[in-house]
PDB file of all heavy atoms in Angstrom:
ATOM      1  N   HIS A   1      43.913 -54.906 -21.928  1.00  0.00           N
ATOM      2  CA  HIS A   1      44.602 -55.978 -22.645  1.00  0.00           C
ATOM      3  C   HIS A   1      43.974 -57.291 -22.212  1.00  0.00           C
ATOM      4  O   HIS A   1      43.219 -57.351 -21.244  1.00  0.00           O
ATOM      5  CB  HIS A   1      46.114 -55.959 -22.397  1.00  0.00           C
ATOM      6  CG  HIS A   1      46.527 -56.429 -21.036  1.00  0.00           C
ATOM      7  ND1 HIS A   1      46.618 -55.582 -19.945  1.00  0.00           N
ATOM      8  CD2 HIS A   1      46.899 -57.657 -20.576  1.00  0.00           C
ATOM      9  CE1 HIS A   1      47.009 -56.249 -18.880  1.00  0.00           C
ATOM     10  NE2 HIS A   1      47.191 -57.523 -19.240  1.00  0.00           N
ATOM     11  N   ARG A   2      44.257 -58.343 -22.958  1.00  0.00           N
ATOM     12  CA  ARG A   2      43.636 -59.642 -22.711  1.00  0.00           C
ATOM     13  C   ARG A   2      44.680 -60.641 -22.259  1.00  0.00           C
ATOM     14  O   ARG A   2      45.809 -60.615 -22.749  1.00  0.00           O
ATOM     15  CB  ARG A   2      42.933 -60.129 -23.982  1.00  0.00           C
ATOM     16  CG  ARG A   2      41.922 -59.131 -24.505  1.00  0.00           C
ATOM     17  CD  ARG A   2      41.542 -59.426 -25.943  1.00  0.00           C
ATOM     18  NE  ARG A   2      40.685 -58.392 -26.470  1.00  0.00           N
ATOM     19  CZ  ARG A   2      41.105 -57.216 -26.915  1.00  0.00           C
ATOM     20  NH1 ARG A   2      42.395 -56.926 -26.909  1.00  0.00           N
ATOM     21  NH2 ARG A   2      40.251 -56.323 -27.359  1.00  0.00           N
ATOM     22  N   GLU A   3      44.290 -61.483 -21.333  1.00  0.00           N
ATOM     23  CA  GLU A   3      45.203 -62.498 -20.825  1.00  0.00           C
ATOM     24  C   GLU A   3      44.495 -63.843 -20.762  1.00  0.00           C
ATOM     25  O   GLU A   3      43.271 -63.903 -20.565  1.00  0.00           O
ATOM     26  CB  GLU A   3      45.683 -62.151 -19.409  1.00  0.00           C
ATOM     27  CG  GLU A   3      46.600 -60.956 -19.326  1.00  0.00           C
ATOM     28  CD  GLU A   3      47.075 -60.705 -17.904  1.00  0.00           C
ATOM     29  OE1 GLU A   3      46.747 -61.527 -17.001  1.00  0.00           O
ATOM     30  OE2 GLU A   3      47.762 -59.689 -17.692  1.00  0.00           O
ATOM     31  N   ARG A   4      45.269 -64.882 -20.927  1.00  0.00           N
ATOM     32  CA  ARG A   4      44.775 -66.245 -20.680  1.00  0.00           C
ATOM     33  C   ARG A   4      45.627 -66.839 -19.573  1.00  0.00           C
ATOM     34  O   ARG A   4      46.852 -66.871 -19.678  1.00  0.00           O
ATOM     35  CB  ARG A   4      44.850 -67.103 -21.936  1.00  0.00           C
ATOM     36  CG  ARG A   4      44.461 -68.560 -21.702  1.00  0.00           C
ATOM     37  CD  ARG A   4      44.306 -69.318 -22.982  1.00  0.00           C
ATOM     38  NE  ARG A   4      43.098 -68.918 -23.685  1.00  0.00           N
ATOM     39  CZ  ARG A   4      42.605 -69.562 -24.740  1.00  0.00           C
ATOM     40  NH1 ARG A   4      43.238 -70.633 -25.214  1.00  0.00           N
ATOM     41  NH2 ARG A   4      41.523 -69.143 -25.324  1.00  0.00           N
ATOM     42  N   ARG A   5      44.974 -67.279 -18.505  1.00  0.00           N
ATOM     43  CA  ARG A   5      45.676 -67.850 -17.363  1.00  0.00           C
ATOM     44  C   ARG A   5      45.094 -69.216 -17.043  1.00  0.00           C
ATOM     45  O   ARG A   5      43.941 -69.500 -17.349  1.00  0.00           O
ATOM     46  CB  ARG A   5      45.528 -66.952 -16.132  1.00  0.00           C
ATOM     47  CG  ARG A   5      45.846 -65.482 -16.333  1.00  0.00           C
ATOM     48  CD  ARG A   5      45.466 -64.678 -15.103  1.00  0.00           C
ATOM     49  NE  ARG A   5      45.479 -63.234 -15.349  1.00  0.00           N
ATOM     50  CZ  ARG A   5      44.932 -62.343 -14.532  1.00  0.00           C
ATOM     51  NH1 ARG A   5      44.337 -62.763 -13.413  1.00  0.00           N
ATOM     52  NH2 ARG A   5      44.965 -61.048 -14.822  1.00  0.00           N
ATOM     53  N   GLU A   6      45.906 -70.028 -16.399  1.00  0.00           N
ATOM     54  CA  GLU A   6      45.412 -71.300 -15.893  1.00  0.00           C
ATOM     55  C   GLU A   6      44.557 -71.031 -14.660  1.00  0.00           C
ATOM     56  O   GLU A   6      44.983 -70.347 -13.735  1.00  0.00           O
ATOM     57  CB  GLU A   6      46.573 -72.225 -15.527  1.00  0.00           C
ATOM     58  CG  GLU A   6      47.291 -72.811 -16.729  1.00  0.00           C
ATOM     59  CD  GLU A   6      46.437 -73.852 -17.449  1.00  0.00           C
ATOM     60  OE1 GLU A   6      46.032 -74.826 -16.810  1.00  0.00           O
ATOM     61  OE2 GLU A   6      46.194 -73.673 -18.654  1.00  0.00           O
ATOM     62  N   VAL A   7      43.324 -71.553 -14.668  1.00  0.00           N
ATOM     63  CA  VAL A   7      42.390 -71.328 -13.566  1.00  0.00           C
ATOM     64  C   VAL A   7      41.736 -72.651 -13.175  1.00  0.00           C
ATOM     65  O   VAL A   7      41.760 -73.629 -13.946  1.00  0.00           O
ATOM     66  CB  VAL A   7      41.299 -70.311 -13.974  1.00  0.00           C
ATOM     67  CG1 VAL A   7      41.897 -68.952 -14.284  1.00  0.00           C
ATOM     68  CG2 VAL A   7      40.482 -70.827 -15.157  1.00  0.00           C
ATOM     69  N   PRO A   8      41.134 -72.721 -11.996  1.00  0.00           N
ATOM     70  CA  PRO A   8      40.377 -73.925 -11.632  1.00  0.00           C
ATOM     71  C   PRO A   8      39.172 -74.105 -12.557  1.00  0.00           C
ATOM     72  O   PRO A   8      38.451 -73.153 -12.858  1.00  0.00           O
ATOM     73  CB  PRO A   8      39.934 -73.644 -10.190  1.00  0.00           C
ATOM     74  CG  PRO A   8      40.863 -72.596  -9.694  1.00  0.00           C
ATOM     75  CD  PRO A   8      41.201 -71.752 -10.885  1.00  0.00           C
ATOM     76  N   VAL A   9      38.964 -75.319 -13.029  1.00  0.00           N
ATOM     77  CA  VAL A   9      37.820 -75.672 -13.870  1.00  0.00           C
ATOM     78  C   VAL A   9      37.264 -77.006 -13.392  1.00  0.00           C
ATOM     79  O   VAL A   9      37.845 -77.668 -12.527  1.00  0.00           O
ATOM     80  CB  VAL A   9      38.207 -75.777 -15.366  1.00  0.00           C
ATOM     81  CG1 VAL A   9      38.802 -74.472 -15.863  1.00  0.00           C
ATOM     82  CG2 VAL A   9      39.172 -76.934 -15.602  1.00  0.00           C
ATOM     83  N   TYR A  10      36.133 -77.409 -13.950  1.00  0.00           N
ATOM     84  CA  TYR A  10      35.653 -78.769 -13.837  1.00  0.00           C
ATOM     85  C   TYR A  10      35.772 -79.418 -15.214  1.00  0.00           C
ATOM     86  O   TYR A  10      35.412 -78.814 -16.229  1.00  0.00           O
ATOM     87  CB  TYR A  10      34.190 -78.826 -13.392  1.00  0.00           C
ATOM     88  CG  TYR A  10      33.953 -78.400 -11.967  1.00  0.00           C
ATOM     89  CD1 TYR A  10      33.093 -77.347 -11.668  1.00  0.00           C
ATOM     90  CD2 TYR A  10      34.588 -79.052 -10.907  1.00  0.00           C
ATOM     91  CE1 TYR A  10      32.866 -76.951 -10.371  1.00  0.00           C
ATOM     92  CE2 TYR A  10      34.363 -78.654  -9.596  1.00  0.00           C
ATOM     93  CZ  TYR A  10      33.506 -77.609  -9.335  1.00  0.00           C
ATOM     94  OH  TYR A  10      33.287 -77.209  -8.035  1.00  0.00           O
ATOM     95  N   ALA A  11      36.278 -80.637 -15.246  1.00  0.00           N
ATOM     96  CA  ALA A  11      36.359 -81.401 -16.488  1.00  0.00           C
ATOM     97  C   ALA A  11      35.193 -82.382 -16.522  1.00  0.00           C
ATOM     98  O   ALA A  11      35.013 -83.187 -15.597  1.00  0.00           O
ATOM     99  CB  ALA A  11      37.680 -82.147 -16.572  1.00  0.00           C
ATOM    100  N   LEU A  12      34.381 -82.294 -17.568  1.00  0.00           N
ATOM    101  CA  LEU A  12      33.295 -83.249 -17.763  1.00  0.00           C
ATOM    102  C   LEU A  12      33.871 -84.517 -18.379  1.00  0.00           C
ATOM    103  O   LEU A  12      34.406 -84.493 -19.484  1.00  0.00           O
ATOM    104  CB  LEU A  12      32.223 -82.654 -18.676  1.00  0.00           C
ATOM    105  CG  LEU A  12      31.000 -83.540 -18.929  1.00  0.00           C
ATOM    106  CD1 LEU A  12      30.152 -83.672 -17.672  1.00  0.00           C
ATOM    107  CD2 LEU A  12      30.149 -82.983 -20.080  1.00  0.00           C
ATOM    108  N   THR A  13      33.785 -85.627 -17.643  1.00  0.00           N
ATOM    109  CA  THR A  13      34.350 -86.892 -18.100  1.00  0.00           C
ATOM    110  C   THR A  13      33.315 -87.999 -17.932  1.00  0.00           C
ATOM    111  O   THR A  13      32.222 -87.785 -17.392  1.00  0.00           O
ATOM    112  CB  THR A  13      35.623 -87.240 -17.303  1.00  0.00           C
ATOM    113  OG1 THR A  13      35.293 -87.352 -15.907  1.00  0.00           O
ATOM    114  CG2 THR A  13      36.690 -86.177 -17.479  1.00  0.00           C
ATOM    115  N   VAL A  14      33.667 -89.188 -18.391  1.00  0.00           N
ATOM    116  CA  VAL A  14      32.766 -90.338 -18.300  1.00  0.00           C
ATOM    117  C   VAL A  14      32.941 -91.002 -16.934  1.00  0.00           C
ATOM    118  O   VAL A  14      34.062 -91.259 -16.487  1.00  0.00           O
ATOM    119  CB  VAL A  14      33.058 -91.346 -19.424  1.00  0.00           C
ATOM    120  CG1 VAL A  14      32.160 -92.566 -19.288  1.00  0.00           C
ATOM    121  CG2 VAL A  14      32.864 -90.671 -20.784  1.00  0.00           C
ATOM    122  N   ALA A  15      31.826 -91.281 -16.262  1.00  0.00           N
ATOM    123  CA  ALA A  15      31.861 -91.924 -14.952  1.00  0.00           C
ATOM    124  C   ALA A  15      32.090 -93.427 -15.092  1.00  0.00           C
ATOM    125  O   ALA A  15      31.938 -94.004 -16.181  1.00  0.00           O
ATOM    126  CB  ALA A  15      30.554 -91.663 -14.211  1.00  0.00           C
ATOM    127  N   LYS A  16      32.450 -94.059 -14.003  1.00  0.00           N
ATOM    128  CA  LYS A  16      32.623 -95.510 -13.976  1.00  0.00           C
ATOM    129  C   LYS A  16      31.312 -96.178 -14.368  1.00  0.00           C
ATOM    130  O   LYS A  16      30.253 -95.833 -13.878  1.00  0.00           O
ATOM    131  CB  LYS A  16      33.047 -95.960 -12.576  1.00  0.00           C
ATOM    132  CG  LYS A  16      33.369 -97.435 -12.481  1.00  0.00           C
ATOM    133  CD  LYS A  16      33.835 -97.798 -11.079  1.00  0.00           C
ATOM    134  CE  LYS A  16      34.159 -99.276 -10.977  1.00  0.00           C
ATOM    135  NZ  LYS A  16      34.618 -99.649  -9.602  1.00  0.00           N
ATOM    136  N   GLY A  17      31.384 -97.142 -15.266  1.00  0.00           N
ATOM    137  CA  GLY A  17      30.183 -97.799 -15.764  1.00  0.00           C
ATOM    138  C   GLY A  17      29.746 -97.294 -17.124  1.00  0.00           C
ATOM    139  O   GLY A  17      28.896 -97.899 -17.767  1.00  0.00           O
ATOM    140  N   GLY A  18      30.344 -96.162 -17.568  1.00  0.00           N
ATOM    141  CA  GLY A  18      30.055 -95.672 -18.913  1.00  0.00           C
ATOM    142  C   GLY A  18      28.895 -94.691 -18.972  1.00  0.00           C
ATOM    143  O   GLY A  18      28.121 -94.553 -18.020  1.00  0.00           O
ATOM    144  N   PRO A  19      28.763 -93.992 -20.094  1.00  0.00           N
ATOM    145  CA  PRO A  19      27.712 -92.982 -20.239  1.00  0.00           C
ATOM    146  C   PRO A  19      26.326 -93.597 -20.345  1.00  0.00           C
ATOM    147  O   PRO A  19      26.155 -94.722 -20.794  1.00  0.00           O
ATOM    148  CB  PRO A  19      28.094 -92.270 -21.544  1.00  0.00           C
ATOM    149  CG  PRO A  19      28.874 -93.285 -22.310  1.00  0.00           C
ATOM    150  CD  PRO A  19      29.610 -94.100 -21.295  1.00  0.00           C
ATOM    151  N   LYS A  20      25.328 -92.816 -19.914  1.00  0.00           N
ATOM    152  CA  LYS A  20      23.928 -93.208 -20.024  1.00  0.00           C
ATOM    153  C   LYS A  20      23.195 -92.119 -20.805  1.00  0.00           C
ATOM    154  O   LYS A  20      22.362 -91.402 -20.271  1.00  0.00           O
ATOM    155  CB  LYS A  20      23.304 -93.371 -18.642  1.00  0.00           C
ATOM    156  CG  LYS A  20      24.045 -94.332 -17.711  1.00  0.00           C
ATOM    157  CD  LYS A  20      23.456 -94.291 -16.305  1.00  0.00           C
ATOM    158  CE  LYS A  20      24.248 -95.168 -15.342  1.00  0.00           C
ATOM    159  NZ  LYS A  20      23.715 -95.062 -13.940  1.00  0.00           N
ATOM    160  N   LEU A  21      23.548 -91.987 -22.054  1.00  0.00           N
ATOM    161  CA  LEU A  21      23.038 -90.904 -22.886  1.00  0.00           C
ATOM    162  C   LEU A  21      22.076 -91.430 -23.937  1.00  0.00           C
ATOM    163  O   LEU A  21      22.348 -92.445 -24.578  1.00  0.00           O
ATOM    164  CB  LEU A  21      24.209 -90.178 -23.563  1.00  0.00           C
ATOM    165  CG  LEU A  21      25.185 -89.467 -22.622  1.00  0.00           C
ATOM    166  CD1 LEU A  21      26.435 -89.039 -23.375  1.00  0.00           C
ATOM    167  CD2 LEU A  21      24.519 -88.264 -21.967  1.00  0.00           C
ATOM    168  N   LYS A  22      20.978 -90.727 -24.131  1.00  0.00           N
ATOM    169  CA  LYS A  22      19.984 -91.110 -25.127  1.00  0.00           C
ATOM    170  C   LYS A  22      20.307 -90.411 -26.445  1.00  0.00           C
ATOM    171  O   LYS A  22      20.236 -89.183 -26.533  1.00  0.00           O
ATOM    172  CB  LYS A  22      18.583 -90.719 -24.657  1.00  0.00           C
ATOM    173  CG  LYS A  22      17.475 -91.087 -25.629  1.00  0.00           C
ATOM    174  CD  LYS A  22      16.121 -90.632 -25.103  1.00  0.00           C
ATOM    175  CE  LYS A  22      15.012 -90.958 -26.108  1.00  0.00           C
ATOM    176  NZ  LYS A  22      13.684 -90.479 -25.616  1.00  0.00           N
ATOM    177  N   PRO A  23      20.667 -91.157 -27.497  1.00  0.00           N
ATOM    178  CA  PRO A  23      21.018 -90.513 -28.776  1.00  0.00           C
ATOM    179  C   PRO A  23      19.847 -89.716 -29.336  1.00  0.00           C
ATOM    180  O   PRO A  23      18.680 -90.115 -29.225  1.00  0.00           O
ATOM    181  CB  PRO A  23      21.365 -91.699 -29.683  1.00  0.00           C
ATOM    182  CG  PRO A  23      21.721 -92.817 -28.747  1.00  0.00           C
ATOM    183  CD  PRO A  23      20.841 -92.621 -27.543  1.00  0.00           C
ATOM    184  N   PHE A  24      20.178 -88.592 -29.929  1.00  0.00           N
ATOM    185  CA  PHE A  24      19.187 -87.748 -30.585  1.00  0.00           C
ATOM    186  C   PHE A  24      18.762 -88.395 -31.894  1.00  0.00           C
ATOM    187  O   PHE A  24      19.588 -88.860 -32.677  1.00  0.00           O
ATOM    188  CB  PHE A  24      19.784 -86.370 -30.848  1.00  0.00           C
ATOM    189  CG  PHE A  24      18.968 -85.485 -31.742  1.00  0.00           C
ATOM    190  CD1 PHE A  24      17.687 -85.101 -31.382  1.00  0.00           C
ATOM    191  CD2 PHE A  24      19.486 -85.027 -32.948  1.00  0.00           C
ATOM    192  CE1 PHE A  24      16.933 -84.268 -32.200  1.00  0.00           C
ATOM    193  CE2 PHE A  24      18.749 -84.197 -33.774  1.00  0.00           C
ATOM    194  CZ  PHE A  24      17.471 -83.825 -33.399  1.00  0.00           C
ATOM    195  N   LYS A  25      17.469 -88.431 -32.131  1.00  0.00           N
ATOM    196  CA  LYS A  25      16.946 -88.997 -33.367  1.00  0.00           C
ATOM    197  C   LYS A  25      16.844 -87.896 -34.413  1.00  0.00           C
ATOM    198  O   LYS A  25      16.053 -86.971 -34.278  1.00  0.00           O
ATOM    199  CB  LYS A  25      15.570 -89.634 -33.124  1.00  0.00           C
ATOM    200  CG  LYS A  25      14.982 -90.317 -34.346  1.00  0.00           C
ATOM    201  CD  LYS A  25      13.627 -90.946 -34.025  1.00  0.00           C
ATOM    202  CE  LYS A  25      13.031 -91.613 -35.254  1.00  0.00           C
ATOM    203  NZ  LYS A  25      11.689 -92.209 -34.948  1.00  0.00           N
ATOM    204  N   ASP A  26      17.673 -87.993 -35.449  1.00  0.00           N
ATOM    205  CA  ASP A  26      17.656 -86.990 -36.504  1.00  0.00           C
ATOM    206  C   ASP A  26      16.258 -86.842 -37.088  1.00  0.00           C
ATOM    207  O   ASP A  26      15.576 -87.827 -37.363  1.00  0.00           O
ATOM    208  CB  ASP A  26      18.627 -87.378 -37.629  1.00  0.00           C
ATOM    209  CG  ASP A  26      20.081 -87.207 -37.206  1.00  0.00           C
ATOM    210  OD1 ASP A  26      20.335 -86.440 -36.274  1.00  0.00           O
ATOM    211  OD2 ASP A  26      20.946 -87.867 -37.808  1.00  0.00           O
ATOM    212  N   GLY A  27      15.860 -85.589 -37.265  1.00  0.00           N
ATOM    213  CA  GLY A  27      14.557 -85.311 -37.856  1.00  0.00           C
ATOM    214  C   GLY A  27      13.457 -85.116 -36.847  1.00  0.00           C
ATOM    215  O   GLY A  27      12.367 -84.637 -37.205  1.00  0.00           O
ATOM    216  N   SER A  28      13.692 -85.473 -35.595  1.00  0.00           N
ATOM    217  CA  SER A  28      12.638 -85.306 -34.597  1.00  0.00           C
ATOM    218  C   SER A  28      12.415 -83.829 -34.263  1.00  0.00           C
ATOM    219  O   SER A  28      11.330 -83.426 -33.853  1.00  0.00           O
ATOM    220  CB  SER A  28      12.976 -86.090 -33.328  1.00  0.00           C
ATOM    221  OG  SER A  28      14.217 -85.664 -32.784  1.00  0.00           O
ATOM    222  N   CYS A  29      13.463 -83.012 -34.405  1.00  0.00           N
ATOM    223  CA  CYS A  29      13.368 -81.569 -34.258  1.00  0.00           C
ATOM    224  C   CYS A  29      14.633 -80.969 -34.861  1.00  0.00           C
ATOM    225  O   CYS A  29      15.583 -81.689 -35.184  1.00  0.00           O
ATOM    226  CB  CYS A  29      13.198 -81.148 -32.792  1.00  0.00           C
ATOM    227  SG  CYS A  29      14.539 -81.679 -31.708  1.00  0.00           S
TER     228      CYS A  29
END
């Protein structure tokens, strides 16, 4: 049978100072 339980995880969140992400350029691949 299958169960869903609360377990320890890591939450990916934004750090202080904001994200430093390079936007993907559509069409480049």
